[in-house]
C-alpha cells in the first residue's frame, strides 16, 4: 500500500461495510479522493484560496454551469 500523506487526522469514510468490501467501489473511492486532492493542488497553483472561493462563488458556479452545458451539447 502507498499513502498520500501520513499527516493526522486520517481520513475516515463511514458507510455500509458491504459496499466498501467491493474492490470496484474501493477503486472508485480512491480515484475520487485522488481527483479531489489534484483539484485542490491545481486550485492553489492557479492562485486560488479559501477567500477567493468565498468571494468569487457566483462566478465559479456560472463557469461550472457553462462547462456542464457545453459538455451536454456535445453528447
PDB file of N, CA and C in Angstrom:
ATOM      1  N   UNK A   1       0.836  -1.195   0.000  1.00  0.00           N
ATOM      2  CA  UNK A   1       0.000   0.000   0.000  1.00  0.00           C
ATOM      3  C   UNK A   1       0.863   1.235   0.000  1.00  0.00           C
ATOM      4  N   UNK A   2       0.374   2.248  -0.660  1.00  0.00           N
ATOM      5  CA  UNK A   2       1.044   3.543  -0.649  1.00  0.00           C
ATOM      6  C   UNK A   2       0.087   4.556  -0.053  1.00  0.00           C
ATOM      7  N   UNK A   3       0.645   5.557   0.599  1.00  0.00           N
ATOM      8  CA  UNK A   3      -0.194   6.584   1.200  1.00  0.00           C
ATOM      9  C   UNK A   3       0.123   7.933   0.569  1.00  0.00           C
ATOM     10  N   UNK A   4      -0.870   8.788   0.529  1.00  0.00           N
ATOM     11  CA  UNK A   4      -0.689  10.138   0.024  1.00  0.00           C
ATOM     12  C   UNK A   4       0.016  10.976   1.082  1.00  0.00           C
ATOM     13  N   UNK A   5      -0.352  10.767   2.331  1.00  0.00           N
ATOM     14  CA  UNK A   5       0.224  11.543   3.421  1.00  0.00           C
ATOM     15  C   UNK A   5       0.117  10.749   4.717  1.00  0.00           C
ATOM     16  N   UNK A   6       1.027  11.036   5.610  1.00  0.00           N
ATOM     17  CA  UNK A   6       0.971  10.405   6.929  1.00  0.00           C
ATOM     18  C   UNK A   6       0.494  11.388   7.987  1.00  0.00           C
ATOM     19  N   UNK A   7       0.022  12.557   7.551  1.00  0.00           N
ATOM     20  CA  UNK A   7      -0.457  13.562   8.491  1.00  0.00           C
ATOM     21  C   UNK A   7      -1.715  13.074   9.201  1.00  0.00           C
ATOM     22  N   UNK A   8      -1.893  13.552  10.409  1.00  0.00           N
ATOM     23  CA  UNK A   8      -3.079  13.202  11.184  1.00  0.00           C
ATOM     24  C   UNK A   8      -4.056  14.368  11.130  1.00  0.00           C
ATOM     25  N   UNK A   9      -5.318  14.250  11.272  1.00  0.00           N
ATOM     26  CA  UNK A   9      -6.054  13.001  11.432  1.00  0.00           C
ATOM     27  C   UNK A   9      -6.244  12.295  10.099  1.00  0.00           C
ATOM     28  N   UNK A  10      -6.358  11.002  10.170  1.00  0.00           N
ATOM     29  CA  UNK A  10      -6.573  10.203   8.970  1.00  0.00           C
ATOM     30  C   UNK A  10      -7.997  10.395   8.471  1.00  0.00           C
ATOM     31  N   UNK A  11      -8.159  10.251   7.193  1.00  0.00           N
ATOM     32  CA  UNK A  11      -9.480  10.373   6.585  1.00  0.00           C
ATOM     33  C   UNK A  11     -10.252   9.092   6.846  1.00  0.00           C
ATOM     34  N   UNK A  12     -11.397   9.230   7.432  1.00  0.00           N
ATOM     35  CA  UNK A  12     -12.231   8.068   7.731  1.00  0.00           C
ATOM     36  C   UNK A  12     -13.507   8.170   6.906  1.00  0.00           C
ATOM     37  N   UNK A  13     -13.825   7.093   6.231  1.00  0.00           N
ATOM     38  CA  UNK A  13     -15.034   7.043   5.416  1.00  0.00           C
ATOM     39  C   UNK A  13     -16.022   6.135   6.114  1.00  0.00           C
ATOM     40  N   UNK A  14     -17.222   6.635   6.338  1.00  0.00           N
ATOM     41  CA  UNK A  14     -18.227   5.822   7.011  1.00  0.00           C
ATOM     42  C   UNK A  14     -19.279   5.381   6.002  1.00  0.00           C
ATOM     43  N   UNK A  15     -19.901   4.276   6.301  1.00  0.00           N
ATOM     44  CA  UNK A  15     -20.935   3.763   5.419  1.00  0.00           C
ATOM     45  C   UNK A  15     -21.149   2.284   5.640  1.00  0.00           C
ATOM     46  N   UNK A  16     -21.853   1.694   4.741  1.00  0.00           N
ATOM     47  CA  UNK A  16     -22.181   0.275   4.811  1.00  0.00           C
ATOM     48  C   UNK A  16     -20.939  -0.558   4.487  1.00  0.00           C
ATOM     49  N   UNK A  17     -20.462  -1.392   5.429  1.00  0.00           N
ATOM     50  CA  UNK A  17     -19.248  -2.177   5.197  1.00  0.00           C
ATOM     51  C   UNK A  17     -19.318  -3.078   3.969  1.00  0.00           C
ATOM     52  N   UNK A  18     -20.476  -3.594   3.655  1.00  0.00           N
ATOM     53  CA  UNK A  18     -20.606  -4.484   2.494  1.00  0.00           C
ATOM     54  C   UNK A  18     -20.277  -3.752   1.194  1.00  0.00           C
ATOM     55  N   UNK A  19     -20.592  -2.474   1.141  1.00  0.00           N
ATOM     56  CA  UNK A  19     -20.301  -1.682  -0.054  1.00  0.00           C
ATOM     57  C   UNK A  19     -18.799  -1.489  -0.210  1.00  0.00           C
ATOM     58  N   UNK A  20     -18.105  -1.261   0.914  1.00  0.00           N
ATOM     59  CA  UNK A  20     -16.671  -0.995   0.867  1.00  0.00           C
ATOM     60  C   UNK A  20     -15.849  -2.249   0.615  1.00  0.00           C
ATOM     61  N   UNK A  21     -16.429  -3.409   0.769  1.00  0.00           N
ATOM     62  CA  UNK A  21     -15.704  -4.651   0.515  1.00  0.00           C
ATOM     63  C   UNK A  21     -15.557  -4.927  -0.980  1.00  0.00           C
ATOM     64  N   UNK A  22     -16.384  -4.313  -1.798  1.00  0.00           N
ATOM     65  CA  UNK A  22     -16.324  -4.492  -3.239  1.00  0.00           C
ATOM     66  C   UNK A  22     -15.082  -3.759  -3.786  1.00  0.00           C
ATOM     67  N   UNK A  23     -14.163  -4.464  -4.444  1.00  0.00           N
ATOM     68  CA  UNK A  23     -12.941  -3.826  -4.964  1.00  0.00           C
ATOM     69  C   UNK A  23     -13.215  -2.694  -5.959  1.00  0.00           C
ATOM     70  N   UNK A  24     -14.272  -2.814  -6.748  1.00  0.00           N
ATOM     71  CA  UNK A  24     -14.605  -1.735  -7.685  1.00  0.00           C
ATOM     72  C   UNK A  24     -14.974  -0.461  -6.940  1.00  0.00           C
ATOM     73  N   UNK A  25     -15.735  -0.603  -5.856  1.00  0.00           N
ATOM     74  CA  UNK A  25     -16.103   0.565  -5.054  1.00  0.00           C
ATOM     75  C   UNK A  25     -14.875   1.161  -4.369  1.00  0.00           C
ATOM     76  N   UNK A  26     -13.968   0.324  -3.894  1.00  0.00           N
ATOM     77  CA  UNK A  26     -12.735   0.809  -3.274  1.00  0.00           C
ATOM     78  C   UNK A  26     -11.927   1.624  -4.269  1.00  0.00           C
ATOM     79  N   UNK A  27     -11.806   1.112  -5.490  1.00  0.00           N
ATOM     80  CA  UNK A  27     -11.056   1.828  -6.515  1.00  0.00           C
ATOM     81  C   UNK A  27     -11.725   3.142  -6.892  1.00  0.00           C
ATOM     82  N   UNK A  28     -13.050   3.155  -6.949  1.00  0.00           N
ATOM     83  CA  UNK A  28     -13.779   4.376  -7.265  1.00  0.00           C
ATOM     84  C   UNK A  28     -13.562   5.430  -6.178  1.00  0.00           C
ATOM     85  N   UNK A  29     -13.635   5.025  -4.926  1.00  0.00           N
ATOM     86  CA  UNK A  29     -13.429   5.954  -3.812  1.00  0.00           C
ATOM     87  C   UNK A  29     -12.013   6.507  -3.847  1.00  0.00           C
ATOM     88  N   UNK A  30     -11.025   5.649  -4.083  1.00  0.00           N
ATOM     89  CA  UNK A  30      -9.641   6.111  -4.183  1.00  0.00           C
ATOM     90  C   UNK A  30      -9.475   7.108  -5.326  1.00  0.00           C
ATOM     91  N   UNK A  31     -10.072   6.811  -6.465  1.00  0.00           N
ATOM     92  CA  UNK A  31      -9.959   7.702  -7.615  1.00  0.00           C
ATOM     93  C   UNK A  31     -10.586   9.059  -7.325  1.00  0.00           C
ATOM     94  N   UNK A  32     -11.746   9.063  -6.672  1.00  0.00           N
ATOM     95  CA  UNK A  32     -12.403  10.321  -6.345  1.00  0.00           C
ATOM     96  C   UNK A  32     -11.593  11.145  -5.345  1.00  0.00           C
ATOM     97  N   UNK A  33     -11.015  10.473  -4.348  1.00  0.00           N
ATOM     98  CA  UNK A  33     -10.198  11.186  -3.368  1.00  0.00           C
ATOM     99  C   UNK A  33      -8.943  11.765  -4.009  1.00  0.00           C
ATOM    100  N   UNK A  34      -8.287  10.989  -4.868  1.00  0.00           N
ATOM    101  CA  UNK A  34      -7.102  11.500  -5.550  1.00  0.00           C
ATOM    102  C   UNK A  34      -7.447  12.638  -6.502  1.00  0.00           C
ATOM    103  N   UNK A  35      -8.604  12.564  -7.159  1.00  0.00           N
ATOM    104  CA  UNK A  35      -9.045  13.654  -8.030  1.00  0.00           C
ATOM    105  C   UNK A  35      -9.293  14.925  -7.218  1.00  0.00           C
ATOM    106  N   UNK A  36      -9.865  14.777  -6.036  1.00  0.00           N
ATOM    107  CA  UNK A  36     -10.109  15.935  -5.177  1.00  0.00           C
ATOM    108  C   UNK A  36      -8.794  16.562  -4.721  1.00  0.00           C
ATOM    109  N   UNK A  37      -7.817  15.728  -4.378  1.00  0.00           N
ATOM    110  CA  UNK A  37      -6.508  16.240  -3.978  1.00  0.00           C
ATOM    111  C   UNK A  37      -5.855  16.971  -5.139  1.00  0.00           C
ATOM    112  N   UNK A  38      -5.921  16.383  -6.327  1.00  0.00           N
ATOM    113  CA  UNK A  38      -5.329  17.012  -7.505  1.00  0.00           C
ATOM    114  C   UNK A  38      -6.013  18.332  -7.822  1.00  0.00           C
ATOM    115  N   UNK A  39      -7.328  18.379  -7.709  1.00  0.00           N
ATOM    116  CA  UNK A  39      -8.059  19.621  -7.962  1.00  0.00           C
ATOM    117  C   UNK A  39      -7.642  20.703  -6.961  1.00  0.00           C
ATOM    118  N   UNK A  40      -7.460  20.326  -5.705  1.00  0.00           N
ATOM    119  CA  UNK A  40      -7.038  21.294  -4.688  1.00  0.00           C
ATOM    120  C   UNK A  40      -5.638  21.822  -4.983  1.00  0.00           C
ATOM    121  N   UNK A  41      -4.742  20.948  -5.422  1.00  0.00           N
ATOM    122  CA  UNK A  41      -3.378  21.373  -5.759  1.00  0.00           C
ATOM    123  C   UNK A  41      -3.407  22.331  -6.948  1.00  0.00           C
ATOM    124  N   UNK A  42      -4.165  21.981  -7.986  1.00  0.00           N
ATOM    125  CA  UNK A  42      -4.267  22.862  -9.148  1.00  0.00           C
ATOM    126  C   UNK A  42      -4.885  24.208  -8.782  1.00  0.00           C
ATOM    127  N   UNK A  43      -5.877  24.189  -7.921  1.00  0.00           N
ATOM    128  CA  UNK A  43      -6.533  25.420  -7.469  1.00  0.00           C
ATOM    129  C   UNK A  43      -5.511  26.331  -6.798  1.00  0.00           C
ATOM    130  N   UNK A  44      -4.702  25.754  -5.910  1.00  0.00           N
ATOM    131  CA  UNK A  44      -3.690  26.540  -5.210  1.00  0.00           C
ATOM    132  C   UNK A  44      -2.617  27.049  -6.169  1.00  0.00           C
ATOM    133  N   UNK A  45      -2.218  26.220  -7.135  1.00  0.00           N
ATOM    134  CA  UNK A  45      -1.189  26.622  -8.091  1.00  0.00           C
ATOM    135  C   UNK A  45      -1.669  27.760  -8.983  1.00  0.00           C
ATOM    136  N   UNK A  46      -2.961  27.854  -9.193  1.00  0.00           N
ATOM    137  CA  UNK A  46      -3.524  28.928 -10.013  1.00  0.00           C
ATOM    138  C   UNK A  46      -3.854  30.169  -9.192  1.00  0.00           C
ATOM    139  N   UNK A  47      -3.434  30.184  -7.948  1.00  0.00           N
ATOM    140  CA  UNK A  47      -3.639  31.358  -7.101  1.00  0.00           C
ATOM    141  C   UNK A  47      -4.921  31.334  -6.302  1.00  0.00           C
ATOM    142  N   UNK A  48      -5.613  30.223  -6.297  1.00  0.00           N
ATOM    143  CA  UNK A  48      -6.860  30.121  -5.553  1.00  0.00           C
ATOM    144  C   UNK A  48      -6.613  29.951  -4.063  1.00  0.00           C
ATOM    145  N   UNK A  49      -7.588  30.318  -3.302  1.00  0.00           N
ATOM    146  CA  UNK A  49      -7.523  30.179  -1.849  1.00  0.00           C
ATOM    147  C   UNK A  49      -8.929  30.176  -1.281  1.00  0.00           C
ATOM    148  N   UNK A  50      -9.015  30.042   0.011  1.00  0.00           N
ATOM    149  CA  UNK A  50     -10.335  29.992   0.653  1.00  0.00           C
ATOM    150  C   UNK A  50     -11.111  31.286   0.441  1.00  0.00           C
ATOM    151  N   UNK A  51     -10.429  32.405   0.590  1.00  0.00           N
ATOM    152  CA  UNK A  51     -11.116  33.689   0.463  1.00  0.00           C
ATOM    153  C   UNK A  51     -11.626  33.901  -0.961  1.00  0.00           C
ATOM    154  N   UNK A  52     -10.823  33.566  -1.952  1.00  0.00           N
ATOM    155  CA  UNK A  52     -11.272  33.738  -3.339  1.00  0.00           C
ATOM    156  C   UNK A  52     -12.427  32.789  -3.658  1.00  0.00           C
ATOM    157  N   UNK A  53     -12.436  31.635  -3.037  1.00  0.00           N
ATOM    158  CA  UNK A  53     -13.543  30.697  -3.238  1.00  0.00           C
ATOM    159  C   UNK A  53     -14.845  31.288  -2.716  1.00  0.00           C
ATOM    160  N   UNK A  54     -14.776  31.948  -1.578  1.00  0.00           N
ATOM    161  CA  UNK A  54     -15.965  32.558  -0.983  1.00  0.00           C
ATOM    162  C   UNK A  54     -16.389  33.805  -1.763  1.00  0.00           C
ATOM    163  N   UNK A  55     -15.422  34.633  -2.113  1.00  0.00           N
ATOM    164  CA  UNK A  55     -15.747  35.907  -2.757  1.00  0.00           C
ATOM    165  C   UNK A  55     -16.168  35.756  -4.215  1.00  0.00           C
ATOM    166  N   UNK A  56     -15.693  34.739  -4.887  1.00  0.00           N
ATOM    167  CA  UNK A  56     -15.992  34.564  -6.310  1.00  0.00           C
ATOM    168  C   UNK A  56     -16.889  33.361  -6.567  1.00  0.00           C
ATOM    169  N   UNK A  57     -17.684  33.020  -5.596  1.00  0.00           N
ATOM    170  CA  UNK A  57     -18.520  31.832  -5.694  1.00  0.00           C
ATOM    171  C   UNK A  57     -19.464  31.893  -6.890  1.00  0.00           C
ATOM    172  N   UNK A  58     -20.128  33.002  -7.074  1.00  0.00           N
ATOM    173  CA  UNK A  58     -21.100  33.128  -8.170  1.00  0.00           C
ATOM    174  C   UNK A  58     -20.428  32.947  -9.530  1.00  0.00           C
ATOM    175  N   UNK A  59     -19.267  33.548  -9.731  1.00  0.00           N
ATOM    176  CA  UNK A  59     -18.554  33.413 -11.000  1.00  0.00           C
ATOM    177  C   UNK A  59     -18.126  31.964 -11.226  1.00  0.00           C
ATOM    178  N   UNK A  60     -17.698  31.294 -10.168  1.00  0.00           N
ATOM    179  CA  UNK A  60     -17.300  29.896 -10.293  1.00  0.00           C
ATOM    180  C   UNK A  60     -18.491  29.009 -10.646  1.00  0.00           C
ATOM    181  N   UNK A  61     -19.625  29.265 -10.014  1.00  0.00           N
ATOM    182  CA  UNK A  61     -20.829  28.478 -10.304  1.00  0.00           C
ATOM    183  C   UNK A  61     -21.273  28.699 -11.746  1.00  0.00           C
ATOM    184  N   UNK A  62     -21.230  29.938 -12.201  1.00  0.00           N
ATOM    185  CA  UNK A  62     -21.620  30.228 -13.583  1.00  0.00           C
ATOM    186  C   UNK A  62     -20.665  29.576 -14.580  1.00  0.00           C
ATOM    187  N   UNK A  63     -19.367  29.595 -14.284  1.00  0.00           N
ATOM    188  CA  UNK A  63     -18.385  28.959 -15.170  1.00  0.00           C
ATOM    189  C   UNK A  63     -18.607  27.449 -15.210  1.00  0.00           C
ATOM    190  N   UNK A  64     -18.851  26.855 -14.052  1.00  0.00           N
ATOM    191  CA  UNK A  64     -19.096  25.414 -13.995  1.00  0.00           C
ATOM    192  C   UNK A  64     -20.381  25.050 -14.738  1.00  0.00           C
ATOM    193  N   UNK A  65     -21.410  25.876 -14.596  1.00  0.00           N
ATOM    194  CA  UNK A  65     -22.664  25.627 -15.312  1.00  0.00           C
ATOM    195  C   UNK A  65     -22.453  25.718 -16.818  1.00  0.00           C
ATOM    196  N   UNK A  66     -21.676  26.695 -17.239  1.00  0.00           N
ATOM    197  CA  UNK A  66     -21.386  26.829 -18.667  1.00  0.00           C
ATOM    198  C   UNK A  66     -20.628  25.627 -19.207  1.00  0.00           C
ATOM    199  N   UNK A  67     -19.650  25.141 -18.453  1.00  0.00           N
ATOM    200  CA  UNK A  67     -18.899  23.961 -18.877  1.00  0.00           C
ATOM    201  C   UNK A  67     -19.794  22.731 -18.931  1.00  0.00           C
ATOM    202  N   UNK A  68     -20.687  22.606 -17.964  1.00  0.00           N
ATOM    203  CA  UNK A  68     -21.600  21.477 -17.934  1.00  0.00           C
ATOM    204  C   UNK A  68     -22.540  21.510 -19.138  1.00  0.00           C
ATOM    205  N   UNK A  69     -23.080  22.661 -19.434  1.00  0.00           N
ATOM    206  CA  UNK A  69     -23.969  22.805 -20.596  1.00  0.00           C
ATOM    207  C   UNK A  69     -23.221  22.518 -21.902  1.00  0.00           C
ATOM    208  N   UNK A  70     -21.985  22.988 -21.989  1.00  0.00           N
ATOM    209  CA  UNK A  70     -21.188  22.737 -23.195  1.00  0.00           C
ATOM    210  C   UNK A  70     -20.904  21.251 -23.377  1.00  0.00           C
ATOM    211  N   UNK A  71     -20.645  20.566 -22.273  1.00  0.00           N
ATOM    212  CA  UNK A  71     -20.370  19.127 -22.371  1.00  0.00           C
ATOM    213  C   UNK A  71     -21.643  18.349 -22.734  1.00  0.00           C
ATOM    214  N   UNK A  72     -22.771  18.844 -22.283  1.00  0.00           N
ATOM    215  CA  UNK A  72     -24.050  18.167 -22.632  1.00  0.00           C
ATOM    216  C   UNK A  72     -24.411  18.381 -24.090  1.00  0.00           C
ATOM    217  N   UNK A  73     -24.067  19.550 -24.631  1.00  0.00           N
ATOM    218  CA  UNK A  73     -24.431  19.834 -26.023  1.00  0.00           C
ATOM    219  C   UNK A  73     -23.561  19.057 -27.009  1.00  0.00           C
ATOM    220  N   UNK A  74     -22.383  18.613 -26.580  1.00  0.00           N
ATOM    221  CA  UNK A  74     -21.514  17.817 -27.471  1.00  0.00           C
ATOM    222  C   UNK A  74     -21.868  16.352 -27.451  1.00  0.00           C
ATOM    223  N   UNK A  75     -22.694  15.927 -26.513  1.00  0.00           N
ATOM    224  CA  UNK A  75     -23.072  14.494 -26.426  1.00  0.00           C
ATOM    225  C   UNK A  75     -24.088  14.095 -27.439  1.00  0.00           C
TER     226      UNK A  75
END
